[in-house]
Amino acid sequence: MKLRPLQDLVIVKQSEAEEKTKSGILRPDTAKEKPTKGKVIAVGPGKLDDKGKPMEIGLRGGDTVYYGKYSGTDVEVDGEKFVILRESDVLGVLE
């Protein structure tokens, strides 16, 4: 991947949209909701503090995270779909 996040941005590979409902009904493509879960691929160096040094980000590559439904910017690189989020848009890390 040739995409590098800046400042406090995080690149997340989206999980696949649910194909079926919990009761087993298949969803058509038009009814699938945007995934709100994904895997962190890359993390920026962090925002700069008052002295010009980057502040550490609490996420690492490989973390599985949840984020808001309408958060971030969807991008496609080399045929793969990613979401670019601010660290503050991440709601939680799945452990």
PDB file of N, CA and C in Angstrom:
ATOM      1  N   MET A   1       0.850  -1.172   0.000  1.00  0.00           N
ATOM      2  CA  MET A   1       0.000   0.000   0.000  1.00  0.00           C
ATOM      3  C   MET A   1       0.894   1.234   0.000  1.00  0.00           C
ATOM      4  N   LYS A   2       0.535   2.208  -0.784  1.00  0.00           N
ATOM      5  CA  LYS A   2       1.354   3.403  -0.935  1.00  0.00           C
ATOM      6  C   LYS A   2       0.708   4.624  -0.296  1.00  0.00           C
ATOM      7  N   LEU A   3      -0.111   4.413   0.717  1.00  0.00           N
ATOM      8  CA  LEU A   3      -0.823   5.492   1.389  1.00  0.00           C
ATOM      9  C   LEU A   3      -0.288   5.619   2.801  1.00  0.00           C
ATOM     10  N   ARG A   4       0.169   6.808   3.176  1.00  0.00           N
ATOM     11  CA  ARG A   4       0.755   7.048   4.492  1.00  0.00           C
ATOM     12  C   ARG A   4      -0.065   8.125   5.201  1.00  0.00           C
ATOM     13  N   PRO A   5      -0.597   7.843   6.392  1.00  0.00           N
ATOM     14  CA  PRO A   5      -1.394   8.836   7.110  1.00  0.00           C
ATOM     15  C   PRO A   5      -0.524   9.928   7.727  1.00  0.00           C
ATOM     16  N   LEU A   6      -1.082  11.111   7.856  1.00  0.00           N
ATOM     17  CA  LEU A   6      -0.398  12.249   8.454  1.00  0.00           C
ATOM     18  C   LEU A   6      -1.009  12.567   9.810  1.00  0.00           C
ATOM     19  N   GLN A   7      -0.267  13.251  10.653  1.00  0.00           N
ATOM     20  CA  GLN A   7      -0.682  13.704  11.976  1.00  0.00           C
ATOM     21  C   GLN A   7      -1.411  12.621  12.761  1.00  0.00           C
ATOM     22  N   ASP A   8      -2.640  12.887  13.201  1.00  0.00           N
ATOM     23  CA  ASP A   8      -3.370  11.932  14.041  1.00  0.00           C
ATOM     24  C   ASP A   8      -4.344  11.083  13.232  1.00  0.00           C
ATOM     25  N   LEU A   9      -4.056  10.884  11.948  1.00  0.00           N
ATOM     26  CA  LEU A   9      -4.933  10.097  11.099  1.00  0.00           C
ATOM     27  C   LEU A   9      -4.579   8.613  11.147  1.00  0.00           C
ATOM     28  N   VAL A  10      -5.598   7.783  10.919  1.00  0.00           N
ATOM     29  CA  VAL A  10      -5.466   6.334  10.973  1.00  0.00           C
ATOM     30  C   VAL A  10      -6.108   5.762   9.716  1.00  0.00           C
ATOM     31  N   ILE A  11      -5.457   4.797   9.080  1.00  0.00           N
ATOM     32  CA  ILE A  11      -6.038   4.124   7.918  1.00  0.00           C
ATOM     33  C   ILE A  11      -6.571   2.774   8.375  1.00  0.00           C
ATOM     34  N   VAL A  12      -7.862   2.541   8.086  1.00  0.00           N
ATOM     35  CA  VAL A  12      -8.544   1.332   8.526  1.00  0.00           C
ATOM     36  C   VAL A  12      -9.077   0.587   7.309  1.00  0.00           C
ATOM     37  N   LYS A  13      -8.831  -0.721   7.251  1.00  0.00           N
ATOM     38  CA  LYS A  13      -9.426  -1.564   6.209  1.00  0.00           C
ATOM     39  C   LYS A  13     -10.779  -2.017   6.735  1.00  0.00           C
ATOM     40  N   GLN A  14     -11.828  -1.651   6.003  1.00  0.00           N
ATOM     41  CA  GLN A  14     -13.183  -1.972   6.435  1.00  0.00           C
ATOM     42  C   GLN A  14     -13.425  -3.473   6.434  1.00  0.00           C
ATOM     43  N   SER A  15     -14.233  -3.932   7.387  1.00  0.00           N
ATOM     44  CA  SER A  15     -14.715  -5.314   7.354  1.00  0.00           C
ATOM     45  C   SER A  15     -15.745  -5.414   6.239  1.00  0.00           C
ATOM     46  N   GLU A  16     -16.029  -6.623   5.837  1.00  0.00           N
ATOM     47  CA  GLU A  16     -17.047  -6.833   4.811  1.00  0.00           C
ATOM     48  C   GLU A  16     -18.424  -6.541   5.382  1.00  0.00           C
ATOM     49  N   ALA A  17     -19.314  -5.981   4.555  1.00  0.00           N
ATOM     50  CA  ALA A  17     -20.692  -5.722   4.961  1.00  0.00           C
ATOM     51  C   ALA A  17     -21.402  -7.054   5.182  1.00  0.00           C
ATOM     52  N   GLU A  18     -22.315  -7.073   6.134  1.00  0.00           N
ATOM     53  CA  GLU A  18     -23.056  -8.288   6.444  1.00  0.00           C
ATOM     54  C   GLU A  18     -23.900  -8.721   5.253  1.00  0.00           C
ATOM     55  N   GLU A  19     -23.744  -9.972   4.855  1.00  0.00           N
ATOM     56  CA  GLU A  19     -24.500 -10.526   3.730  1.00  0.00           C
ATOM     57  C   GLU A  19     -25.904 -10.946   4.153  1.00  0.00           C
ATOM     58  N   LYS A  20     -26.025 -11.413   5.409  1.00  0.00           N
ATOM     59  CA  LYS A  20     -27.304 -11.920   5.901  1.00  0.00           C
ATOM     60  C   LYS A  20     -27.697 -11.195   7.180  1.00  0.00           C
ATOM     61  N   THR A  21     -28.999 -11.183   7.446  1.00  0.00           N
ATOM     62  CA  THR A  21     -29.465 -10.687   8.734  1.00  0.00           C
ATOM     63  C   THR A  21     -29.278 -11.805   9.757  1.00  0.00           C
ATOM     64  N   LYS A  22     -29.507 -11.521  11.022  1.00  0.00           N
ATOM     65  CA  LYS A  22     -29.347 -12.544  12.055  1.00  0.00           C
ATOM     66  C   LYS A  22     -30.325 -13.698  11.855  1.00  0.00           C
ATOM     67  N   SER A  23     -31.467 -13.403  11.229  1.00  0.00           N
ATOM     68  CA  SER A  23     -32.456 -14.469  10.991  1.00  0.00           C
ATOM     69  C   SER A  23     -32.173 -15.249   9.713  1.00  0.00           C
ATOM     70  N   GLY A  24     -31.126 -14.890   8.947  1.00  0.00           N
ATOM     71  CA  GLY A  24     -30.733 -15.652   7.780  1.00  0.00           C
ATOM     72  C   GLY A  24     -31.226 -15.121   6.453  1.00  0.00           C
ATOM     73  N   ILE A  25     -31.848 -13.945   6.447  1.00  0.00           N
ATOM     74  CA  ILE A  25     -32.339 -13.357   5.198  1.00  0.00           C
ATOM     75  C   ILE A  25     -31.174 -12.684   4.479  1.00  0.00           C
ATOM     76  N   LEU A  26     -31.008 -12.989   3.183  1.00  0.00           N
ATOM     77  CA  LEU A  26     -29.938 -12.363   2.391  1.00  0.00           C
ATOM     78  C   LEU A  26     -30.281 -10.917   2.084  1.00  0.00           C
ATOM     79  N   ARG A  27     -29.301 -10.040   2.221  1.00  0.00           N
ATOM     80  CA  ARG A  27     -29.497  -8.626   1.934  1.00  0.00           C
ATOM     81  C   ARG A  27     -29.010  -8.306   0.528  1.00  0.00           C
ATOM     82  N   PRO A  28     -29.800  -7.549  -0.242  1.00  0.00           N
ATOM     83  CA  PRO A  28     -29.298  -7.100  -1.544  1.00  0.00           C
ATOM     84  C   PRO A  28     -28.236  -6.022  -1.342  1.00  0.00           C
ATOM     85  N   ASP A  29     -27.420  -5.760  -2.360  1.00  0.00           N
ATOM     86  CA  ASP A  29     -26.350  -4.775  -2.251  1.00  0.00           C
ATOM     87  C   ASP A  29     -26.867  -3.406  -1.839  1.00  0.00           C
ATOM     88  N   THR A  30     -28.052  -3.043  -2.268  1.00  0.00           N
ATOM     89  CA  THR A  30     -28.600  -1.716  -1.962  1.00  0.00           C
ATOM     90  C   THR A  30     -29.016  -1.587  -0.504  1.00  0.00           C
ATOM     91  N   ALA A  31     -29.227  -2.701   0.187  1.00  0.00           N
ATOM     92  CA  ALA A  31     -29.686  -2.659   1.582  1.00  0.00           C
ATOM     93  C   ALA A  31     -28.554  -2.851   2.583  1.00  0.00           C
ATOM     94  N   LYS A  32     -27.354  -3.124   2.106  1.00  0.00           N
ATOM     95  CA  LYS A  32     -26.230  -3.338   3.023  1.00  0.00           C
ATOM     96  C   LYS A  32     -25.808  -2.013   3.639  1.00  0.00           C
ATOM     97  N   GLU A  33     -25.532  -2.063   4.925  1.00  0.00           N
ATOM     98  CA  GLU A  33     -25.082  -0.870   5.621  1.00  0.00           C
ATOM     99  C   GLU A  33     -23.562  -0.784   5.592  1.00  0.00           C
ATOM    100  N   LYS A  34     -23.070   0.436   5.688  1.00  0.00           N
ATOM    101  CA  LYS A  34     -21.626   0.654   5.715  1.00  0.00           C
ATOM    102  C   LYS A  34     -21.058   0.025   6.998  1.00  0.00           C
ATOM    103  N   PRO A  35     -19.993  -0.753   6.865  1.00  0.00           N
ATOM    104  CA  PRO A  35     -19.389  -1.369   8.059  1.00  0.00           C
ATOM    105  C   PRO A  35     -18.866  -0.305   9.025  1.00  0.00           C
ATOM    106  N   THR A  36     -18.923  -0.605  10.312  1.00  0.00           N
ATOM    107  CA  THR A  36     -18.409   0.300  11.334  1.00  0.00           C
ATOM    108  C   THR A  36     -17.289  -0.370  12.131  1.00  0.00           C
ATOM    109  N   LYS A  37     -16.714  -1.385  11.550  1.00  0.00           N
ATOM    110  CA  LYS A  37     -15.637  -2.137  12.195  1.00  0.00           C
ATOM    111  C   LYS A  37     -14.553  -2.365  11.150  1.00  0.00           C
ATOM    112  N   GLY A  38     -13.303  -2.355  11.591  1.00  0.00           N
ATOM    113  CA  GLY A  38     -12.218  -2.599  10.659  1.00  0.00           C
ATOM    114  C   GLY A  38     -10.901  -2.821  11.372  1.00  0.00           C
ATOM    115  N   LYS A  39      -9.873  -3.090  10.566  1.00  0.00           N
ATOM    116  CA  LYS A  39      -8.533  -3.355  11.093  1.00  0.00           C
ATOM    117  C   LYS A  39      -7.614  -2.194  10.750  1.00  0.00           C
ATOM    118  N   VAL A  40      -6.879  -1.707  11.735  1.00  0.00           N
ATOM    119  CA  VAL A  40      -5.941  -0.603  11.532  1.00  0.00           C
ATOM    120  C   VAL A  40      -4.778  -1.089  10.687  1.00  0.00           C
ATOM    121  N   ILE A  41      -4.533  -0.395   9.580  1.00  0.00           N
ATOM    122  CA  ILE A  41      -3.447  -0.745   8.669  1.00  0.00           C
ATOM    123  C   ILE A  41      -2.225   0.136   8.918  1.00  0.00           C
ATOM    124  N   ALA A  42      -2.464   1.442   9.120  1.00  0.00           N
ATOM    125  CA  ALA A  42      -1.356   2.380   9.328  1.00  0.00           C
ATOM    126  C   ALA A  42      -1.803   3.500  10.253  1.00  0.00           C
ATOM    127  N   VAL A  43      -0.862   4.035  11.015  1.00  0.00           N
ATOM    128  CA  VAL A  43      -1.124   5.103  11.977  1.00  0.00           C
ATOM    129  C   VAL A  43      -0.144   6.235  11.723  1.00  0.00           C
ATOM    130  N   GLY A  44      -0.634   7.471  11.728  1.00  0.00           N
ATOM    131  CA  GLY A  44       0.231   8.637  11.552  1.00  0.00           C
ATOM    132  C   GLY A  44       1.106   8.868  12.779  1.00  0.00           C
ATOM    133  N   PRO A  45       2.040   9.812  12.691  1.00  0.00           N
ATOM    134  CA  PRO A  45       2.965  10.073  13.798  1.00  0.00           C
ATOM    135  C   PRO A  45       2.311  10.766  14.993  1.00  0.00           C
ATOM    136  N   GLY A  46       1.150  11.381  14.824  1.00  0.00           N
ATOM    137  CA  GLY A  46       0.463  12.078  15.913  1.00  0.00           C
ATOM    138  C   GLY A  46       0.491  13.583  15.710  1.00  0.00           C
ATOM    139  N   LYS A  47      -0.449  14.259  16.362  1.00  0.00           N
ATOM    140  CA  LYS A  47      -0.489  15.721  16.301  1.00  0.00           C
ATOM    141  C   LYS A  47       0.741  16.287  16.983  1.00  0.00           C
ATOM    142  N   LEU A  48       1.094  17.492  16.612  1.00  0.00           N
ATOM    143  CA  LEU A  48       2.245  18.146  17.239  1.00  0.00           C
ATOM    144  C   LEU A  48       1.812  18.883  18.494  1.00  0.00           C
ATOM    145  N   ASP A  49       2.621  18.772  19.555  1.00  0.00           N
ATOM    146  CA  ASP A  49       2.330  19.528  20.775  1.00  0.00           C
ATOM    147  C   ASP A  49       2.877  20.946  20.656  1.00  0.00           C
ATOM    148  N   ASP A  50       2.839  21.705  21.732  1.00  0.00           N
ATOM    149  CA  ASP A  50       3.289  23.107  21.720  1.00  0.00           C
ATOM    150  C   ASP A  50       4.777  23.250  21.402  1.00  0.00           C
ATOM    151  N   LYS A  51       5.548  22.211  21.663  1.00  0.00           N
ATOM    152  CA  LYS A  51       6.994  22.259  21.415  1.00  0.00           C
ATOM    153  C   LYS A  51       7.367  21.687  20.055  1.00  0.00           C
ATOM    154  N   GLY A  52       6.351  21.248  19.270  1.00  0.00           N
ATOM    155  CA  GLY A  52       6.608  20.734  17.938  1.00  0.00           C
ATOM    156  C   GLY A  52       6.919  19.254  17.862  1.00  0.00           C
ATOM    157  N   LYS A  53       6.743  18.540  18.973  1.00  0.00           N
ATOM    158  CA  LYS A  53       6.994  17.098  18.977  1.00  0.00           C
ATOM    159  C   LYS A  53       5.669  16.353  18.793  1.00  0.00           C
ATOM    160  N   PRO A  54       5.670  15.247  18.037  1.00  0.00           N
ATOM    161  CA  PRO A  54       4.428  14.487  17.838  1.00  0.00           C
ATOM    162  C   PRO A  54       3.974  13.811  19.136  1.00  0.00           C
ATOM    163  N   MET A  55       2.659  13.892  19.394  1.00  0.00           N
ATOM    164  CA  MET A  55       2.078  13.210  20.550  1.00  0.00           C
ATOM    165  C   MET A  55       1.738  11.778  20.133  1.00  0.00           C
ATOM    166  N   GLU A  56       1.945  10.847  21.026  1.00  0.00           N
ATOM    167  CA  GLU A  56       1.737   9.436  20.715  1.00  0.00           C
ATOM    168  C   GLU A  56       0.252   9.125  20.501  1.00  0.00           C
ATOM    169  N   ILE A  57      -0.022   8.249  19.545  1.00  0.00           N
ATOM    170  CA  ILE A  57      -1.389   7.799  19.266  1.00  0.00           C
ATOM    171  C   ILE A  57      -1.600   6.468  19.979  1.00  0.00           C
ATOM    172  N   GLY A  58      -2.784   6.267  20.533  1.00  0.00           N
ATOM    173  CA  GLY A  58      -3.085   5.061  21.306  1.00  0.00           C
ATOM    174  C   GLY A  58      -3.486   3.855  20.478  1.00  0.00           C
ATOM    175  N   LEU A  59      -3.319   3.898  19.183  1.00  0.00           N
ATOM    176  CA  LEU A  59      -3.667   2.781  18.304  1.00  0.00           C
ATOM    177  C   LEU A  59      -2.412   2.228  17.648  1.00  0.00           C
ATOM    178  N   ARG A  60      -2.462   0.948  17.296  1.00  0.00           N
ATOM    179  CA  ARG A  60      -1.338   0.297  16.627  1.00  0.00           C
ATOM    180  C   ARG A  60      -1.855  -0.452  15.406  1.00  0.00           C
ATOM    181  N   GLY A  61      -0.983  -0.676  14.453  1.00  0.00           N
ATOM    182  CA  GLY A  61      -1.343  -1.489  13.298  1.00  0.00           C
ATOM    183  C   GLY A  61      -1.797  -2.863  13.748  1.00  0.00           C
ATOM    184  N   GLY A  62      -2.879  -3.370  13.161  1.00  0.00           N
ATOM    185  CA  GLY A  62      -3.410  -4.672  13.533  1.00  0.00           C
ATOM    186  C   GLY A  62      -4.555  -4.617  14.519  1.00  0.00           C
ATOM    187  N   ASP A  63      -4.766  -3.474  15.191  1.00  0.00           N
ATOM    188  CA  ASP A  63      -5.895  -3.332  16.114  1.00  0.00           C
ATOM    189  C   ASP A  63      -7.208  -3.416  15.343  1.00  0.00           C
ATOM    190  N   THR A  64      -8.202  -4.078  15.920  1.00  0.00           N
ATOM    191  CA  THR A  64      -9.548  -4.091  15.361  1.00  0.00           C
ATOM    192  C   THR A  64     -10.341  -3.021  16.100  1.00  0.00           C
ATOM    193  N   VAL A  65     -10.902  -2.085  15.344  1.00  0.00           N
ATOM    194  CA  VAL A  65     -11.552  -0.929  15.953  1.00  0.00           C
ATOM    195  C   VAL A  65     -12.986  -0.766  15.452  1.00  0.00           C
ATOM    196  N   TYR A  66     -13.781  -0.067  16.251  1.00  0.00           N
ATOM    197  CA  TYR A  66     -15.116   0.359  15.869  1.00  0.00           C
ATOM    198  C   TYR A  66     -15.081   1.867  15.699  1.00  0.00           C
ATOM    199  N   TYR A  67     -15.820   2.361  14.704  1.00  0.00           N
ATOM    200  CA  TYR A  67     -15.872   3.803  14.450  1.00  0.00           C
ATOM    201  C   TYR A  67     -17.292   4.179  14.046  1.00  0.00           C
ATOM    202  N   GLY A  68     -17.572   5.472  14.063  1.00  0.00           N
ATOM    203  CA  GLY A  68     -18.905   5.956  13.739  1.00  0.00           C
ATOM    204  C   GLY A  68     -19.305   5.653  12.301  1.00  0.00           C
ATOM    205  N   LYS A  69     -20.605   5.464  12.104  1.00  0.00           N
ATOM    206  CA  LYS A  69     -21.136   5.091  10.789  1.00  0.00           C
ATOM    207  C   LYS A  69     -20.793   6.110   9.712  1.00  0.00           C
ATOM    208  N   TYR A  70     -20.810   7.385  10.048  1.00  0.00           N
ATOM    209  CA  TYR A  70     -20.551   8.437   9.065  1.00  0.00           C
ATOM    210  C   TYR A  70     -19.198   9.110   9.271  1.00  0.00           C
ATOM    211  N   SER A  71     -18.307   8.466  10.020  1.00  0.00           N
ATOM    212  CA  SER A  71     -16.986   9.028  10.297  1.00  0.00           C
ATOM    213  C   SER A  71     -16.016   8.730   9.164  1.00  0.00           C
ATOM    214  N   GLY A  72     -15.033   9.593   9.027  1.00  0.00           N
ATOM    215  CA  GLY A  72     -13.933   9.341   8.113  1.00  0.00           C
ATOM    216  C   GLY A  72     -14.246   9.582   6.652  1.00  0.00           C
ATOM    217  N   THR A  73     -13.250   9.302   5.843  1.00  0.00           N
ATOM    218  CA  THR A  73     -13.326   9.465   4.393  1.00  0.00           C
ATOM    219  C   THR A  73     -13.017   8.127   3.741  1.00  0.00           C
ATOM    220  N   ASP A  74     -13.916   7.673   2.871  1.00  0.00           N
ATOM    221  CA  ASP A  74     -13.705   6.421   2.151  1.00  0.00           C
ATOM    222  C   ASP A  74     -12.757   6.652   0.985  1.00  0.00           C
ATOM    223  N   VAL A  75     -11.757   5.787   0.851  1.00  0.00           N
ATOM    224  CA  VAL A  75     -10.823   5.854  -0.273  1.00  0.00           C
ATOM    225  C   VAL A  75     -10.617   4.448  -0.833  1.00  0.00           C
ATOM    226  N   GLU A  76     -10.194   4.384  -2.079  1.00  0.00           N
ATOM    227  CA  GLU A  76      -9.873   3.106  -2.701  1.00  0.00           C
ATOM    228  C   GLU A  76      -8.462   3.200  -3.271  1.00  0.00           C
ATOM    229  N   VAL A  77      -7.595   2.281  -2.862  1.00  0.00           N
ATOM    230  CA  VAL A  77      -6.204   2.242  -3.315  1.00  0.00           C
ATOM    231  C   VAL A  77      -5.918   0.835  -3.829  1.00  0.00           C
ATOM    232  N   ASP A  78      -5.488   0.740  -5.061  1.00  0.00           N
ATOM    233  CA  ASP A  78      -5.178  -0.552  -5.678  1.00  0.00           C
ATOM    234  C   ASP A  78      -6.337  -1.544  -5.573  1.00  0.00           C
ATOM    235  N   GLY A  79      -7.561  -1.042  -5.709  1.00  0.00           N
ATOM    236  CA  GLY A  79      -8.744  -1.903  -5.681  1.00  0.00           C
ATOM    237  C   GLY A  79      -9.223  -2.288  -4.297  1.00  0.00           C
ATOM    238  N   GLU A  80      -8.563  -1.828  -3.227  1.00  0.00           N
ATOM    239  CA  GLU A  80      -8.968  -2.138  -1.866  1.00  0.00           C
ATOM    240  C   GLU A  80      -9.608  -0.904  -1.241  1.00  0.00           C
ATOM    241  N   LYS A  81     -10.658  -1.129  -0.433  1.00  0.00           N
ATOM    242  CA  LYS A  81     -11.367  -0.020   0.206  1.00  0.00           C
ATOM    243  C   LYS A  81     -10.833   0.210   1.613  1.00  0.00           C
ATOM    244  N   PHE A  82     -10.578   1.485   1.907  1.00  0.00           N
ATOM    245  CA  PHE A  82     -10.093   1.897   3.215  1.00  0.00           C
ATOM    246  C   PHE A  82     -10.903   3.091   3.708  1.00  0.00           C
ATOM    247  N   VAL A  83     -10.806   3.349   5.007  1.00  0.00           N
ATOM    248  CA  VAL A  83     -11.386   4.548   5.608  1.00  0.00           C
ATOM    249  C   VAL A  83     -10.249   5.282   6.303  1.00  0.00           C
ATOM    250  N   ILE A  84     -10.152   6.584   6.068  1.00  0.00           N
ATOM    251  CA  ILE A  84      -9.167   7.409   6.775  1.00  0.00           C
ATOM    252  C   ILE A  84      -9.914   8.148   7.871  1.00  0.00           C
ATOM    253  N   LEU A  85      -9.495   7.921   9.113  1.00  0.00           N
ATOM    254  CA  LEU A  85     -10.166   8.480  10.292  1.00  0.00           C
ATOM    255  C   LEU A  85      -9.197   9.281  11.138  1.00  0.00           C
ATOM    256  N   ARG A  86      -9.737  10.204  11.899  1.00  0.00           N
ATOM    257  CA  ARG A  86      -8.952  10.838  12.955  1.00  0.00           C
ATOM    258  C   ARG A  86      -8.969   9.881  14.152  1.00  0.00           C
ATOM    259  N   GLU A  87      -7.958   9.945  14.957  1.00  0.00           N
ATOM    260  CA  GLU A  87      -7.905   9.079  16.142  1.00  0.00           C
ATOM    261  C   GLU A  87      -9.147   9.294  17.006  1.00  0.00           C
ATOM    262  N   SER A  88      -9.630  10.513  17.083  1.00  0.00           N
ATOM    263  CA  SER A  88     -10.796  10.825  17.914  1.00  0.00           C
ATOM    264  C   SER A  88     -12.093  10.248  17.357  1.00  0.00           C
ATOM    265  N   ASP A  89     -12.124   9.834  16.072  1.00  0.00           N
ATOM    266  CA  ASP A  89     -13.308   9.217  15.493  1.00  0.00           C
ATOM    267  C   ASP A  89     -13.442   7.739  15.858  1.00  0.00           C
ATOM    268  N   VAL A  90     -12.382   7.153  16.366  1.00  0.00           N
ATOM    269  CA  VAL A  90     -12.416   5.741  16.762  1.00  0.00           C
ATOM    270  C   VAL A  90     -13.139   5.642  18.100  1.00  0.00           C
ATOM    271  N   LEU A  91     -14.171   4.788  18.145  1.00  0.00           N
ATOM    272  CA  LEU A  91     -14.984   4.651  19.346  1.00  0.00           C
ATOM    273  C   LEU A  91     -14.406   3.670  20.345  1.00  0.00           C
ATOM    274  N   GLY A  92     -13.726   2.638  19.848  1.00  0.00           N
ATOM    275  CA  GLY A  92     -13.163   1.650  20.750  1.00  0.00           C
ATOM    276  C   GLY A  92     -12.319   0.630  20.015  1.00  0.00           C
ATOM    277  N   VAL A  93     -11.503  -0.092  20.793  1.00  0.00           N
ATOM    278  CA  VAL A  93     -10.632  -1.133  20.271  1.00  0.00           C
ATOM    279  C   VAL A  93     -11.137  -2.470  20.790  1.00  0.00           C
ATOM    280  N   LEU A  94     -11.312  -3.437  19.889  1.00  0.00           N
ATOM    281  CA  LEU A  94     -11.756  -4.771  20.272  1.00  0.00           C
ATOM    282  C   LEU A  94     -10.565  -5.567  20.776  1.00  0.00           C
ATOM    283  N   GLU A  95     -10.662  -6.082  21.982  1.00  0.00           N
ATOM    284  CA  GLU A  95      -9.556  -6.863  22.572  1.00  0.00           C
ATOM    285  C   GLU A  95      -9.939  -8.311  22.692  1.00  0.00           C
TER     286      GLU A  95
END
